Amino acid sequence: MFLLEAITAGLPVLTSAVCGYAHYVMDANCGEAIAEPFRQEALNEILLKALTQPSLRSAWAENARHYADTQDLYSLPEKAADIITGDLDG
């Protein structure tokens, strides 16, 4: 869940595509999800790109803040608990 916390803090995110939260990173356009199977070269490339392109990091950070402001990321734990306990409206 720390990826959602990073997004809400406006931080760029690099993650593996198999991470359950990777789709949030891609939906928000606030970082990269590295394709599987994992290749160290792919991680190196995206990390170098992120470290050497301040405008890219700034865009990712702005996109993360915008996504956090416009999407309901804060009630996900409660929604998960409701699904588990069967306490859903409707």
N, C-alpha and C. Protein backbone atom coordinates (compact mmCIF):
# COMPACT_ATOMS: atom_id res chain seq x y z
N MET A 1 0.82 -1.19 0.00
CA MET A 1 0.00 0.00 0.00
C MET A 1 0.87 1.26 0.00
N PHE A 2 2.15 1.13 0.25
CA PHE A 2 3.01 2.31 0.31
C PHE A 2 3.07 3.04 -1.03
N LEU A 3 2.77 2.36 -2.13
CA LEU A 3 2.76 3.05 -3.43
C LEU A 3 1.64 4.09 -3.47
N LEU A 4 0.49 3.77 -2.90
CA LEU A 4 -0.59 4.75 -2.84
C LEU A 4 -0.21 5.92 -1.96
N GLU A 5 0.49 5.64 -0.88
CA GLU A 5 0.96 6.72 -0.01
C GLU A 5 1.95 7.61 -0.75
N ALA A 6 2.81 7.02 -1.55
CA ALA A 6 3.76 7.81 -2.35
C ALA A 6 3.01 8.68 -3.35
N ILE A 7 2.00 8.11 -4.00
CA ILE A 7 1.21 8.89 -4.95
C ILE A 7 0.52 10.06 -4.26
N THR A 8 -0.10 9.81 -3.11
CA THR A 8 -0.79 10.90 -2.42
C THR A 8 0.18 11.96 -1.91
N ALA A 9 1.45 11.58 -1.72
CA ALA A 9 2.47 12.55 -1.30
C ALA A 9 3.08 13.27 -2.50
N GLY A 10 2.66 12.90 -3.71
CA GLY A 10 3.20 13.54 -4.90
C GLY A 10 4.59 13.07 -5.27
N LEU A 11 4.89 11.82 -4.96
CA LEU A 11 6.21 11.27 -5.27
C LEU A 11 6.16 10.42 -6.53
N PRO A 12 7.14 10.55 -7.41
CA PRO A 12 7.21 9.64 -8.55
C PRO A 12 7.45 8.21 -8.07
N VAL A 13 6.92 7.24 -8.81
CA VAL A 13 6.99 5.85 -8.38
C VAL A 13 7.56 4.97 -9.49
N LEU A 14 8.53 4.14 -9.13
CA LEU A 14 9.03 3.08 -10.00
C LEU A 14 8.69 1.76 -9.32
N THR A 15 8.04 0.86 -10.05
CA THR A 15 7.62 -0.40 -9.47
C THR A 15 7.65 -1.50 -10.52
N SER A 16 7.46 -2.70 -10.09
CA SER A 16 7.35 -3.84 -11.00
C SER A 16 5.91 -3.92 -11.51
N ALA A 17 5.74 -4.35 -12.74
CA ALA A 17 4.40 -4.47 -13.32
C ALA A 17 3.55 -5.52 -12.61
N VAL A 18 4.17 -6.45 -11.90
CA VAL A 18 3.39 -7.48 -11.21
C VAL A 18 2.90 -7.01 -9.84
N CYS A 19 3.31 -5.85 -9.42
CA CYS A 19 2.83 -5.29 -8.16
C CYS A 19 1.33 -5.03 -8.29
N GLY A 20 0.58 -5.37 -7.30
CA GLY A 20 -0.87 -5.18 -7.34
C GLY A 20 -1.31 -3.74 -7.47
N TYR A 21 -0.45 -2.81 -7.14
CA TYR A 21 -0.79 -1.39 -7.22
C TYR A 21 -0.19 -0.71 -8.44
N ALA A 22 0.47 -1.47 -9.30
CA ALA A 22 1.13 -0.88 -10.47
C ALA A 22 0.15 -0.15 -11.37
N HIS A 23 -1.08 -0.64 -11.45
CA HIS A 23 -2.05 0.03 -12.33
C HIS A 23 -2.35 1.45 -11.88
N TYR A 24 -2.25 1.72 -10.58
CA TYR A 24 -2.44 3.09 -10.10
C TYR A 24 -1.34 4.00 -10.63
N VAL A 25 -0.12 3.50 -10.64
CA VAL A 25 1.01 4.28 -11.14
C VAL A 25 0.80 4.60 -12.62
N MET A 26 0.35 3.61 -13.37
CA MET A 26 0.13 3.83 -14.80
C MET A 26 -1.10 4.71 -15.04
N ASP A 27 -2.18 4.50 -14.29
CA ASP A 27 -3.37 5.34 -14.44
C ASP A 27 -3.05 6.79 -14.14
N ALA A 28 -2.22 7.00 -13.12
CA ALA A 28 -1.86 8.36 -12.71
C ALA A 28 -0.77 8.97 -13.58
N ASN A 29 -0.09 8.14 -14.36
CA ASN A 29 1.06 8.60 -15.15
C ASN A 29 2.06 9.33 -14.24
N CYS A 30 2.38 8.65 -13.13
CA CYS A 30 3.27 9.27 -12.14
C CYS A 30 4.54 8.46 -11.91
N GLY A 31 4.90 7.67 -12.90
CA GLY A 31 6.11 6.86 -12.78
C GLY A 31 6.08 5.77 -13.82
N GLU A 32 6.78 4.69 -13.52
CA GLU A 32 6.88 3.57 -14.46
C GLU A 32 6.66 2.25 -13.74
N ALA A 33 6.02 1.34 -14.44
CA ALA A 33 5.89 -0.05 -13.99
C ALA A 33 6.76 -0.88 -14.92
N ILE A 34 7.79 -1.47 -14.38
CA ILE A 34 8.77 -2.21 -15.17
C ILE A 34 8.20 -3.57 -15.54
N ALA A 35 8.20 -3.87 -16.82
CA ALA A 35 7.59 -5.10 -17.34
C ALA A 35 8.30 -6.34 -16.82
N GLU A 36 7.53 -7.42 -16.78
CA GLU A 36 8.06 -8.73 -16.42
C GLU A 36 8.32 -9.51 -17.70
N PRO A 37 9.25 -10.40 -17.75
CA PRO A 37 10.12 -10.76 -16.64
C PRO A 37 11.10 -9.63 -16.33
N PHE A 38 11.45 -9.56 -15.07
CA PHE A 38 12.35 -8.50 -14.62
C PHE A 38 13.67 -8.57 -15.37
N ARG A 39 14.10 -7.39 -15.82
CA ARG A 39 15.42 -7.26 -16.44
C ARG A 39 16.12 -6.09 -15.76
N GLN A 40 17.28 -6.35 -15.20
CA GLN A 40 18.03 -5.31 -14.52
C GLN A 40 18.29 -4.13 -15.43
N GLU A 41 18.54 -4.40 -16.72
CA GLU A 41 18.80 -3.31 -17.67
C GLU A 41 17.61 -2.37 -17.77
N ALA A 42 16.40 -2.92 -17.74
CA ALA A 42 15.20 -2.08 -17.82
C ALA A 42 15.10 -1.17 -16.60
N LEU A 43 15.37 -1.73 -15.42
CA LEU A 43 15.36 -0.91 -14.21
C LEU A 43 16.43 0.17 -14.29
N ASN A 44 17.62 -0.20 -14.72
CA ASN A 44 18.71 0.77 -14.85
C ASN A 44 18.32 1.91 -15.78
N GLU A 45 17.71 1.57 -16.92
CA GLU A 45 17.33 2.59 -17.90
C GLU A 45 16.32 3.58 -17.33
N ILE A 46 15.26 3.06 -16.71
CA ILE A 46 14.22 3.95 -16.20
C ILE A 46 14.73 4.75 -15.00
N LEU A 47 15.56 4.15 -14.18
CA LEU A 47 16.13 4.87 -13.05
C LEU A 47 17.04 5.99 -13.53
N LEU A 48 17.87 5.72 -14.51
CA LEU A 48 18.75 6.75 -15.07
C LEU A 48 17.91 7.88 -15.69
N LYS A 49 16.88 7.51 -16.41
CA LYS A 49 15.99 8.50 -17.01
C LYS A 49 15.36 9.39 -15.93
N ALA A 50 14.88 8.76 -14.87
CA ALA A 50 14.25 9.52 -13.78
C ALA A 50 15.25 10.43 -13.07
N LEU A 51 16.47 9.95 -12.88
CA LEU A 51 17.47 10.73 -12.16
C LEU A 51 18.06 11.88 -12.98
N THR A 52 18.05 11.74 -14.30
CA THR A 52 18.71 12.75 -15.14
C THR A 52 17.73 13.69 -15.83
N GLN A 53 16.45 13.49 -15.63
CA GLN A 53 15.45 14.35 -16.27
C GLN A 53 14.54 14.99 -15.22
N PRO A 54 14.98 16.12 -14.65
CA PRO A 54 14.17 16.77 -13.62
C PRO A 54 12.76 17.11 -14.09
N SER A 55 12.61 17.46 -15.37
CA SER A 55 11.27 17.81 -15.86
C SER A 55 10.35 16.59 -15.86
N LEU A 56 10.89 15.41 -16.10
CA LEU A 56 10.10 14.19 -16.04
C LEU A 56 9.65 13.92 -14.61
N ARG A 57 10.59 14.04 -13.66
CA ARG A 57 10.23 13.85 -12.25
C ARG A 57 9.18 14.85 -11.82
N SER A 58 9.32 16.09 -12.25
CA SER A 58 8.33 17.12 -11.90
C SER A 58 6.97 16.79 -12.47
N ALA A 59 6.94 16.34 -13.72
CA ALA A 59 5.66 15.96 -14.34
C ALA A 59 5.03 14.78 -13.61
N TRP A 60 5.84 13.78 -13.28
CA TRP A 60 5.32 12.64 -12.54
C TRP A 60 4.77 13.08 -11.19
N ALA A 61 5.49 13.96 -10.51
CA ALA A 61 5.03 14.44 -9.20
C ALA A 61 3.72 15.20 -9.33
N GLU A 62 3.62 16.07 -10.31
CA GLU A 62 2.39 16.83 -10.53
C GLU A 62 1.24 15.88 -10.88
N ASN A 63 1.51 14.91 -11.72
CA ASN A 63 0.47 13.93 -12.08
C ASN A 63 0.02 13.14 -10.86
N ALA A 64 0.96 12.79 -9.99
CA ALA A 64 0.61 12.06 -8.77
C ALA A 64 -0.29 12.89 -7.88
N ARG A 65 0.06 14.16 -7.69
CA ARG A 65 -0.78 15.03 -6.86
C ARG A 65 -2.17 15.20 -7.46
N HIS A 66 -2.23 15.39 -8.77
CA HIS A 66 -3.54 15.54 -9.42
C HIS A 66 -4.37 14.27 -9.27
N TYR A 67 -3.76 13.13 -9.46
CA TYR A 67 -4.47 11.85 -9.34
C TYR A 67 -4.99 11.68 -7.91
N ALA A 68 -4.15 11.97 -6.94
CA ALA A 68 -4.57 11.84 -5.54
C ALA A 68 -5.71 12.79 -5.21
N ASP A 69 -5.72 13.96 -5.82
CA ASP A 69 -6.78 14.94 -5.56
C ASP A 69 -8.09 14.58 -6.25
N THR A 70 -8.04 13.78 -7.31
CA THR A 70 -9.25 13.53 -8.09
C THR A 70 -9.77 12.10 -7.99
N GLN A 71 -9.03 11.21 -7.34
CA GLN A 71 -9.45 9.81 -7.21
C GLN A 71 -9.65 9.48 -5.73
N ASP A 72 -10.50 8.51 -5.48
CA ASP A 72 -10.76 8.08 -4.10
C ASP A 72 -9.75 7.01 -3.70
N LEU A 73 -8.61 7.45 -3.23
CA LEU A 73 -7.58 6.51 -2.78
C LEU A 73 -7.62 6.29 -1.28
N TYR A 74 -8.32 7.15 -0.57
CA TYR A 74 -8.25 7.15 0.88
C TYR A 74 -9.17 6.14 1.55
N SER A 75 -10.24 5.73 0.88
CA SER A 75 -11.17 4.80 1.52
C SER A 75 -10.96 3.36 1.09
N LEU A 76 -9.87 3.08 0.37
CA LEU A 76 -9.63 1.72 -0.10
C LEU A 76 -9.55 0.69 1.03
N PRO A 77 -8.87 0.98 2.15
CA PRO A 77 -8.83 -0.02 3.23
C PRO A 77 -10.22 -0.34 3.77
N GLU A 78 -11.06 0.69 3.92
CA GLU A 78 -12.42 0.46 4.40
C GLU A 78 -13.23 -0.35 3.40
N LYS A 79 -13.06 -0.05 2.12
CA LYS A 79 -13.77 -0.81 1.08
C LYS A 79 -13.34 -2.27 1.10
N ALA A 80 -12.06 -2.51 1.26
CA ALA A 80 -11.57 -3.89 1.32
C ALA A 80 -12.16 -4.61 2.53
N ALA A 81 -12.21 -3.94 3.66
CA ALA A 81 -12.79 -4.55 4.86
C ALA A 81 -14.27 -4.85 4.65
N ASP A 82 -14.99 -3.94 3.99
CA ASP A 82 -16.41 -4.16 3.71
C ASP A 82 -16.62 -5.38 2.81
N ILE A 83 -15.76 -5.54 1.83
CA ILE A 83 -15.87 -6.70 0.94
C ILE A 83 -15.62 -7.98 1.72
N ILE A 84 -14.62 -7.96 2.58
CA ILE A 84 -14.28 -9.15 3.36
C ILE A 84 -15.40 -9.52 4.33
N THR A 85 -15.98 -8.51 4.97
CA THR A 85 -17.03 -8.78 5.96
C THR A 85 -18.41 -8.87 5.35
N GLY A 86 -18.54 -8.58 4.06
CA GLY A 86 -19.84 -8.63 3.40
C GLY A 86 -20.73 -7.46 3.73
N ASP A 87 -20.16 -6.38 4.23
CA ASP A 87 -20.93 -5.20 4.65
C ASP A 87 -20.93 -4.16 3.53
N LEU A 88 -21.55 -4.51 2.40
CA LEU A 88 -21.60 -3.60 1.26
C LEU A 88 -22.99 -3.02 1.10
N ASP A 89 -23.07 -1.78 0.70
CA ASP A 89 -24.36 -1.16 0.38
C ASP A 89 -24.78 -1.61 -1.01
N GLY A 90 -26.06 -1.91 -1.17
CA GLY A 90 -26.58 -2.25 -2.51
C GLY A 90 -26.56 -3.65 -2.78
